[in-house]
PDB file of N, CA and C in Angstrom:
ATOM      1  N   UNK A   1      23.690 197.366 102.034  1.00  0.00           N
ATOM      2  CA  UNK A   1      24.604 196.243 101.931  1.00  0.00           C
ATOM      3  C   UNK A   1      25.233 195.988 103.303  1.00  0.00           C
ATOM      4  N   UNK A   2      25.184 194.734 103.732  1.00  0.00           N
ATOM      5  CA  UNK A   2      25.741 194.373 105.034  1.00  0.00           C
ATOM      6  C   UNK A   2      27.245 194.161 104.931  1.00  0.00           C
ATOM      7  N   UNK A   3      27.924 194.434 106.021  1.00  0.00           N
ATOM      8  CA  UNK A   3      29.365 194.244 106.070  1.00  0.00           C
ATOM      9  C   UNK A   3      29.656 192.787 106.387  1.00  0.00           C
ATOM     10  N   UNK A   4      30.303 192.097 105.491  1.00  0.00           N
ATOM     11  CA  UNK A   4      30.608 190.681 105.645  1.00  0.00           C
ATOM     12  C   UNK A   4      32.072 190.547 106.081  1.00  0.00           C
ATOM     13  N   UNK A   5      32.344 190.118 107.332  1.00  0.00           N
ATOM     14  CA  UNK A   5      33.737 190.038 107.805  1.00  0.00           C
ATOM     15  C   UNK A   5      34.579 189.037 107.022  1.00  0.00           C
ATOM     16  N   UNK A   6      33.991 187.961 106.566  1.00  0.00           N
ATOM     17  CA  UNK A   6      34.760 186.970 105.805  1.00  0.00           C
ATOM     18  C   UNK A   6      35.214 187.548 104.474  1.00  0.00           C
ATOM     19  N   UNK A   7      34.313 188.233 103.794  1.00  0.00           N
ATOM     20  CA  UNK A   7      34.665 188.836 102.505  1.00  0.00           C
ATOM     21  C   UNK A   7      35.727 189.917 102.697  1.00  0.00           C
ATOM     22  N   UNK A   8      35.585 190.691 103.761  1.00  0.00           N
ATOM     23  CA  UNK A   8      36.560 191.736 104.055  1.00  0.00           C
ATOM     24  C   UNK A   8      37.937 191.135 104.335  1.00  0.00           C
ATOM     25  N   UNK A   9      37.975 190.016 105.074  1.00  0.00           N
ATOM     26  CA  UNK A   9      39.249 189.366 105.389  1.00  0.00           C
ATOM     27  C   UNK A   9      39.901 188.787 104.146  1.00  0.00           C
ATOM     28  N   UNK A  10      39.088 188.265 103.225  1.00  0.00           N
ATOM     29  CA  UNK A  10      39.645 187.690 101.995  1.00  0.00           C
ATOM     30  C   UNK A  10      40.143 188.791 101.066  1.00  0.00           C
ATOM     31  N   UNK A  11      39.399 189.876 100.958  1.00  0.00           N
ATOM     32  CA  UNK A  11      39.809 190.977 100.078  1.00  0.00           C
ATOM     33  C   UNK A  11      41.089 191.652 100.560  1.00  0.00           C
ATOM     34  N   UNK A  12      41.216 191.762 101.857  1.00  0.00           N
ATOM     35  CA  UNK A  12      42.392 192.427 102.435  1.00  0.00           C
ATOM     36  C   UNK A  12      43.210 191.403 103.217  1.00  0.00           C
ATOM     37  N   UNK A  13      43.767 190.453 102.484  1.00  0.00           N
ATOM     38  CA  UNK A  13      44.531 189.373 103.104  1.00  0.00           C
ATOM     39  C   UNK A  13      45.768 189.857 103.834  1.00  0.00           C
ATOM     40  N   UNK A  14      46.419 190.882 103.310  1.00  0.00           N
ATOM     41  CA  UNK A  14      47.624 191.391 103.962  1.00  0.00           C
ATOM     42  C   UNK A  14      47.300 191.980 105.337  1.00  0.00           C
ATOM     43  N   UNK A  15      46.157 192.662 105.466  1.00  0.00           N
ATOM     44  CA  UNK A  15      45.764 193.195 106.774  1.00  0.00           C
ATOM     45  C   UNK A  15      45.356 192.077 107.729  1.00  0.00           C
ATOM     46  N   UNK A  16      44.700 191.062 107.189  1.00  0.00           N
ATOM     47  CA  UNK A  16      44.310 189.917 108.013  1.00  0.00           C
ATOM     48  C   UNK A  16      45.542 189.221 108.572  1.00  0.00           C
ATOM     49  N   UNK A  17      46.539 189.016 107.709  1.00  0.00           N
ATOM     50  CA  UNK A  17      47.779 188.382 108.154  1.00  0.00           C
ATOM     51  C   UNK A  17      48.500 189.255 109.180  1.00  0.00           C
ATOM     52  N   UNK A  18      48.499 190.565 108.966  1.00  0.00           N
ATOM     53  CA  UNK A  18      49.134 191.488 109.907  1.00  0.00           C
ATOM     54  C   UNK A  18      48.483 191.395 111.292  1.00  0.00           C
ATOM     55  N   UNK A  19      47.151 191.411 111.338  1.00  0.00           N
ATOM     56  CA  UNK A  19      46.460 191.323 112.624  1.00  0.00           C
ATOM     57  C   UNK A  19      46.644 189.959 113.277  1.00  0.00           C
ATOM     58  N   UNK A  20      46.741 188.906 112.476  1.00  0.00           N
ATOM     59  CA  UNK A  20      46.984 187.571 113.020  1.00  0.00           C
ATOM     60  C   UNK A  20      48.358 187.502 113.685  1.00  0.00           C
ATOM     61  N   UNK A  21      49.363 188.019 113.005  1.00  0.00           N
ATOM     62  CA  UNK A  21      50.717 188.026 113.573  1.00  0.00           C
ATOM     63  C   UNK A  21      50.767 188.908 114.815  1.00  0.00           C
ATOM     64  N   UNK A  22      50.080 190.041 114.771  1.00  0.00           N
ATOM     65  CA  UNK A  22      50.041 190.940 115.922  1.00  0.00           C
ATOM     66  C   UNK A  22      49.396 190.261 117.129  1.00  0.00           C
ATOM     67  N   UNK A  23      48.298 189.541 116.912  1.00  0.00           N
ATOM     68  CA  UNK A  23      47.638 188.822 118.004  1.00  0.00           C
ATOM     69  C   UNK A  23      48.513 187.696 118.549  1.00  0.00           C
ATOM     70  N   UNK A  24      49.188 186.970 117.666  1.00  0.00           N
ATOM     71  CA  UNK A  24      50.071 185.892 118.125  1.00  0.00           C
ATOM     72  C   UNK A  24      51.237 186.435 118.948  1.00  0.00           C
ATOM     73  N   UNK A  25      51.849 187.508 118.478  1.00  0.00           N
ATOM     74  CA  UNK A  25      52.959 188.100 119.235  1.00  0.00           C
ATOM     75  C   UNK A  25      52.482 188.634 120.582  1.00  0.00           C
ATOM     76  N   UNK A  26      51.329 189.266 120.601  1.00  0.00           N
ATOM     77  CA  UNK A  26      50.775 189.750 121.867  1.00  0.00           C
ATOM     78  C   UNK A  26      50.471 188.608 122.819  1.00  0.00           C
ATOM     79  N   UNK A  27      49.966 187.499 122.291  1.00  0.00           N
ATOM     80  CA  UNK A  27      49.682 186.330 123.127  1.00  0.00           C
ATOM     81  C   UNK A  27      50.944 185.718 123.701  1.00  0.00           C
ATOM     82  N   UNK A  28      51.982 185.598 122.879  1.00  0.00           N
ATOM     83  CA  UNK A  28      53.244 185.050 123.380  1.00  0.00           C
ATOM     84  C   UNK A  28      53.875 185.962 124.425  1.00  0.00           C
ATOM     85  N   UNK A  29      53.787 187.272 124.209  1.00  0.00           N
ATOM     86  CA  UNK A  29      54.323 188.211 125.190  1.00  0.00           C
ATOM     87  C   UNK A  29      53.560 188.109 126.507  1.00  0.00           C
ATOM     88  N   UNK A  30      52.238 188.032 126.427  1.00  0.00           N
ATOM     89  CA  UNK A  30      51.426 187.922 127.645  1.00  0.00           C
ATOM     90  C   UNK A  30      51.714 186.621 128.378  1.00  0.00           C
ATOM     91  N   UNK A  31      51.882 185.538 127.636  1.00  0.00           N
ATOM     92  CA  UNK A  31      52.164 184.246 128.259  1.00  0.00           C
ATOM     93  C   UNK A  31      53.537 184.235 128.924  1.00  0.00           C
ATOM     94  N   UNK A  32      54.520 184.860 128.290  1.00  0.00           N
ATOM     95  CA  UNK A  32      55.864 184.854 128.871  1.00  0.00           C
ATOM     96  C   UNK A  32      55.966 185.754 130.102  1.00  0.00           C
ATOM     97  N   UNK A  33      55.140 186.785 130.182  1.00  0.00           N
ATOM     98  CA  UNK A  33      55.210 187.679 131.340  1.00  0.00           C
ATOM     99  C   UNK A  33      54.262 187.261 132.455  1.00  0.00           C
ATOM    100  N   UNK A  34      53.569 186.165 132.280  1.00  0.00           N
ATOM    101  CA  UNK A  34      52.634 185.682 133.286  1.00  0.00           C
ATOM    102  C   UNK A  34      53.414 185.025 134.420  1.00  0.00           C
ATOM    103  N   UNK A  35      53.173 185.438 135.646  1.00  0.00           N
ATOM    104  CA  UNK A  35      53.863 184.853 136.787  1.00  0.00           C
ATOM    105  C   UNK A  35      53.315 183.470 137.105  1.00  0.00           C
ATOM    106  N   UNK A  36      54.216 182.541 137.360  1.00  0.00           N
ATOM    107  CA  UNK A  36      53.803 181.173 137.656  1.00  0.00           C
ATOM    108  C   UNK A  36      54.568 180.688 138.883  1.00  0.00           C
ATOM    109  N   UNK A  37      53.834 180.360 139.943  1.00  0.00           N
ATOM    110  CA  UNK A  37      54.422 179.781 141.141  1.00  0.00           C
ATOM    111  C   UNK A  37      53.978 178.336 141.236  1.00  0.00           C
ATOM    112  N   UNK A  38      54.939 177.450 141.509  1.00  0.00           N
ATOM    113  CA  UNK A  38      54.568 176.041 141.660  1.00  0.00           C
ATOM    114  C   UNK A  38      53.739 175.843 142.917  1.00  0.00           C
ATOM    115  N   UNK A  39      54.166 176.451 143.999  1.00  0.00           N
ATOM    116  CA  UNK A  39      53.432 176.387 145.256  1.00  0.00           C
ATOM    117  C   UNK A  39      53.152 177.815 145.715  1.00  0.00           C
ATOM    118  N   UNK A  40      52.015 178.379 145.339  1.00  0.00           N
ATOM    119  CA  UNK A  40      51.736 179.762 145.738  1.00  0.00           C
ATOM    120  C   UNK A  40      51.550 179.874 147.245  1.00  0.00           C
ATOM    121  N   UNK A  41      51.895 181.019 147.818  1.00  0.00           N
ATOM    122  CA  UNK A  41      51.763 181.189 149.269  1.00  0.00           C
ATOM    123  C   UNK A  41      50.301 181.306 149.691  1.00  0.00           C
ATOM    124  N   UNK A  42      49.988 180.707 150.821  1.00  0.00           N
ATOM    125  CA  UNK A  42      48.654 180.803 151.403  1.00  0.00           C
ATOM    126  C   UNK A  42      48.778 181.546 152.724  1.00  0.00           C
ATOM    127  N   UNK A  43      47.891 182.475 152.963  1.00  0.00           N
ATOM    128  CA  UNK A  43      47.999 183.327 154.139  1.00  0.00           C
ATOM    129  C   UNK A  43      47.152 182.881 155.314  1.00  0.00           C
ATOM    130  N   UNK A  44      46.205 182.014 155.099  1.00  0.00           N
ATOM    131  CA  UNK A  44      45.356 181.629 156.216  1.00  0.00           C
ATOM    132  C   UNK A  44      46.000 180.496 157.006  1.00  0.00           C
ATOM    133  N   UNK A  45      45.799 180.532 158.306  1.00  0.00           N
ATOM    134  CA  UNK A  45      46.373 179.512 159.185  1.00  0.00           C
ATOM    135  C   UNK A  45      45.232 178.682 159.743  1.00  0.00           C
ATOM    136  N   UNK A  46      45.217 177.434 159.384  1.00  0.00           N
ATOM    137  CA  UNK A  46      44.177 176.542 159.851  1.00  0.00           C
ATOM    138  C   UNK A  46      44.769 175.145 159.950  1.00  0.00           C
ATOM    139  N   UNK A  47      44.353 174.415 160.962  1.00  0.00           N
ATOM    140  CA  UNK A  47      44.852 173.071 161.159  1.00  0.00           C
ATOM    141  C   UNK A  47      43.694 172.211 161.647  1.00  0.00           C
ATOM    142  N   UNK A  48      43.610 171.015 161.124  1.00  0.00           N
ATOM    143  CA  UNK A  48      42.578 170.074 161.546  1.00  0.00           C
ATOM    144  C   UNK A  48      43.275 168.870 162.158  1.00  0.00           C
ATOM    145  N   UNK A  49      42.911 168.544 163.383  1.00  0.00           N
ATOM    146  CA  UNK A  49      43.512 167.409 164.088  1.00  0.00           C
ATOM    147  C   UNK A  49      42.395 166.528 164.609  1.00  0.00           C
ATOM    148  N   UNK A  50      42.578 165.253 164.444  1.00  0.00           N
ATOM    149  CA  UNK A  50      41.621 164.293 165.001  1.00  0.00           C
ATOM    150  C   UNK A  50      42.316 163.541 166.127  1.00  0.00           C
ATOM    151  N   UNK A  51      41.733 163.601 167.289  1.00  0.00           N
ATOM    152  CA  UNK A  51      42.271 162.888 168.453  1.00  0.00           C
ATOM    153  C   UNK A  51      41.221 161.878 168.909  1.00  0.00           C
ATOM    154  N   UNK A  52      41.641 160.651 169.084  1.00  0.00           N
ATOM    155  CA  UNK A  52      40.716 159.585 169.482  1.00  0.00           C
ATOM    156  C   UNK A  52      41.011 159.150 170.910  1.00  0.00           C
ATOM    157  N   UNK A  53      39.974 159.023 171.695  1.00  0.00           N
ATOM    158  CA  UNK A  53      40.072 158.523 173.058  1.00  0.00           C
ATOM    159  C   UNK A  53      38.827 157.682 173.295  1.00  0.00           C
ATOM    160  N   UNK A  54      38.927 156.392 173.057  1.00  0.00           N
ATOM    161  CA  UNK A  54      37.749 155.530 173.185  1.00  0.00           C
ATOM    162  C   UNK A  54      37.179 155.575 174.603  1.00  0.00           C
ATOM    163  N   UNK A  55      35.882 155.757 174.688  1.00  0.00           N
ATOM    164  CA  UNK A  55      35.194 155.777 175.972  1.00  0.00           C
ATOM    165  C   UNK A  55      35.056 157.148 176.590  1.00  0.00           C
ATOM    166  N   UNK A  56      35.717 158.157 176.057  1.00  0.00           N
ATOM    167  CA  UNK A  56      35.640 159.507 176.626  1.00  0.00           C
ATOM    168  C   UNK A  56      34.456 160.250 176.023  1.00  0.00           C
ATOM    169  N   UNK A  57      33.883 161.133 176.806  1.00  0.00           N
ATOM    170  CA  UNK A  57      32.789 161.962 176.304  1.00  0.00           C
ATOM    171  C   UNK A  57      33.367 163.164 175.556  1.00  0.00           C
ATOM    172  N   UNK A  58      32.494 163.881 174.878  1.00  0.00           N
ATOM    173  CA  UNK A  58      32.940 165.058 174.136  1.00  0.00           C
ATOM    174  C   UNK A  58      33.497 166.121 175.076  1.00  0.00           C
ATOM    175  N   UNK A  59      32.872 166.282 176.221  1.00  0.00           N
ATOM    176  CA  UNK A  59      33.356 167.276 177.183  1.00  0.00           C
ATOM    177  C   UNK A  59      34.739 166.914 177.712  1.00  0.00           C
ATOM    178  N   UNK A  60      34.969 165.619 177.978  1.00  0.00           N
ATOM    179  CA  UNK A  60      36.289 165.187 178.444  1.00  0.00           C
ATOM    180  C   UNK A  60      37.344 165.434 177.364  1.00  0.00           C
ATOM    181  N   UNK A  61      37.001 165.178 176.122  1.00  0.00           N
ATOM    182  CA  UNK A  61      37.958 165.405 175.035  1.00  0.00           C
ATOM    183  C   UNK A  61      38.321 166.885 174.928  1.00  0.00           C
ATOM    184  N   UNK A  62      37.325 167.744 175.039  1.00  0.00           N
ATOM    185  CA  UNK A  62      37.603 169.181 174.939  1.00  0.00           C
ATOM    186  C   UNK A  62      38.432 169.643 176.122  1.00  0.00           C
ATOM    187  N   UNK A  63      38.047 169.242 177.321  1.00  0.00           N
ATOM    188  CA  UNK A  63      38.727 169.720 178.526  1.00  0.00           C
ATOM    189  C   UNK A  63      40.138 169.171 178.661  1.00  0.00           C
ATOM    190  N   UNK A  64      40.331 167.885 178.398  1.00  0.00           N
ATOM    191  CA  UNK A  64      41.614 167.254 178.692  1.00  0.00           C
ATOM    192  C   UNK A  64      42.532 167.140 177.477  1.00  0.00           C
ATOM    193  N   UNK A  65      41.981 167.105 176.285  1.00  0.00           N
ATOM    194  CA  UNK A  65      42.822 166.931 175.095  1.00  0.00           C
ATOM    195  C   UNK A  65      42.775 168.168 174.200  1.00  0.00           C
ATOM    196  N   UNK A  66      41.585 168.625 173.884  1.00  0.00           N
ATOM    197  CA  UNK A  66      41.429 169.719 172.922  1.00  0.00           C
ATOM    198  C   UNK A  66      42.091 171.005 173.344  1.00  0.00           C
ATOM    199  N   UNK A  67      41.855 171.427 174.570  1.00  0.00           N
ATOM    200  CA  UNK A  67      42.454 172.680 175.042  1.00  0.00           C
ATOM    201  C   UNK A  67      43.972 172.580 175.101  1.00  0.00           C
ATOM    202  N   UNK A  68      44.482 171.445 175.543  1.00  0.00           N
ATOM    203  CA  UNK A  68      45.936 171.253 175.612  1.00  0.00           C
ATOM    204  C   UNK A  68      46.554 171.264 174.215  1.00  0.00           C
ATOM    205  N   UNK A  69      45.919 170.574 173.278  1.00  0.00           N
ATOM    206  CA  UNK A  69      46.421 170.585 171.900  1.00  0.00           C
ATOM    207  C   UNK A  69      46.379 171.989 171.308  1.00  0.00           C
ATOM    208  N   UNK A  70      45.313 172.710 171.553  1.00  0.00           N
ATOM    209  CA  UNK A  70      45.190 174.056 171.010  1.00  0.00           C
ATOM    210  C   UNK A  70      46.274 174.977 171.551  1.00  0.00           C
ATOM    211  N   UNK A  71      46.550 174.905 172.839  1.00  0.00           N
ATOM    212  CA  UNK A  71      47.595 175.744 173.429  1.00  0.00           C
ATOM    213  C   UNK A  71      48.970 175.356 172.897  1.00  0.00           C
ATOM    214  N   UNK A  72      49.204 174.061 172.746  1.00  0.00           N
ATOM    215  CA  UNK A  72      50.509 173.598 172.259  1.00  0.00           C
ATOM    216  C   UNK A  72      50.726 173.993 170.803  1.00  0.00           C
ATOM    217  N   UNK A  73      49.688 173.886 169.984  1.00  0.00           N
ATOM    218  CA  UNK A  73      49.834 174.140 168.554  1.00  0.00           C
ATOM    219  C   UNK A  73      49.797 175.621 168.190  1.00  0.00           C
ATOM    220  N   UNK A  74      49.543 176.497 169.131  1.00  0.00           N
ATOM    221  CA  UNK A  74      49.590 177.928 168.848  1.00  0.00           C
ATOM    222  C   UNK A  74      51.003 178.369 168.475  1.00  0.00           C
ATOM    223  N   UNK A  75      52.008 177.610 168.901  1.00  0.00           N
ATOM    224  CA  UNK A  75      53.401 177.969 168.637  1.00  0.00           C
ATOM    225  C   UNK A  75      53.907 177.450 167.302  1.00  0.00           C
ATOM    226  N   UNK A  76      53.098 176.681 166.580  1.00  0.00           N
ATOM    227  CA  UNK A  76      53.535 176.133 165.295  1.00  0.00           C
ATOM    228  C   UNK A  76      53.550 177.258 164.267  1.00  0.00           C
ATOM    229  N   UNK A  77      54.680 177.444 163.580  1.00  0.00           N
ATOM    230  CA  UNK A  77      54.761 178.545 162.595  1.00  0.00           C
ATOM    231  C   UNK A  77      53.919 178.276 161.365  1.00  0.00           C
TER     232      UNK A  77
END
């Protein structure tokens, strides 16, 4: 004879109700103790900047703008 979970739950309704209440209380406890931050902290430091200089080559942008921006922005907290 196979074990039928539905029949077992119907025959032992009081145990089924007990486990249901136990699971609900455990779920509410877990949900209430769950930490929630609106803005969680991020540890990586990265910045993307686009600088436009019409007519300049890529090398000119790196030498005259990119390096200067990089040195200046190293101090940004």
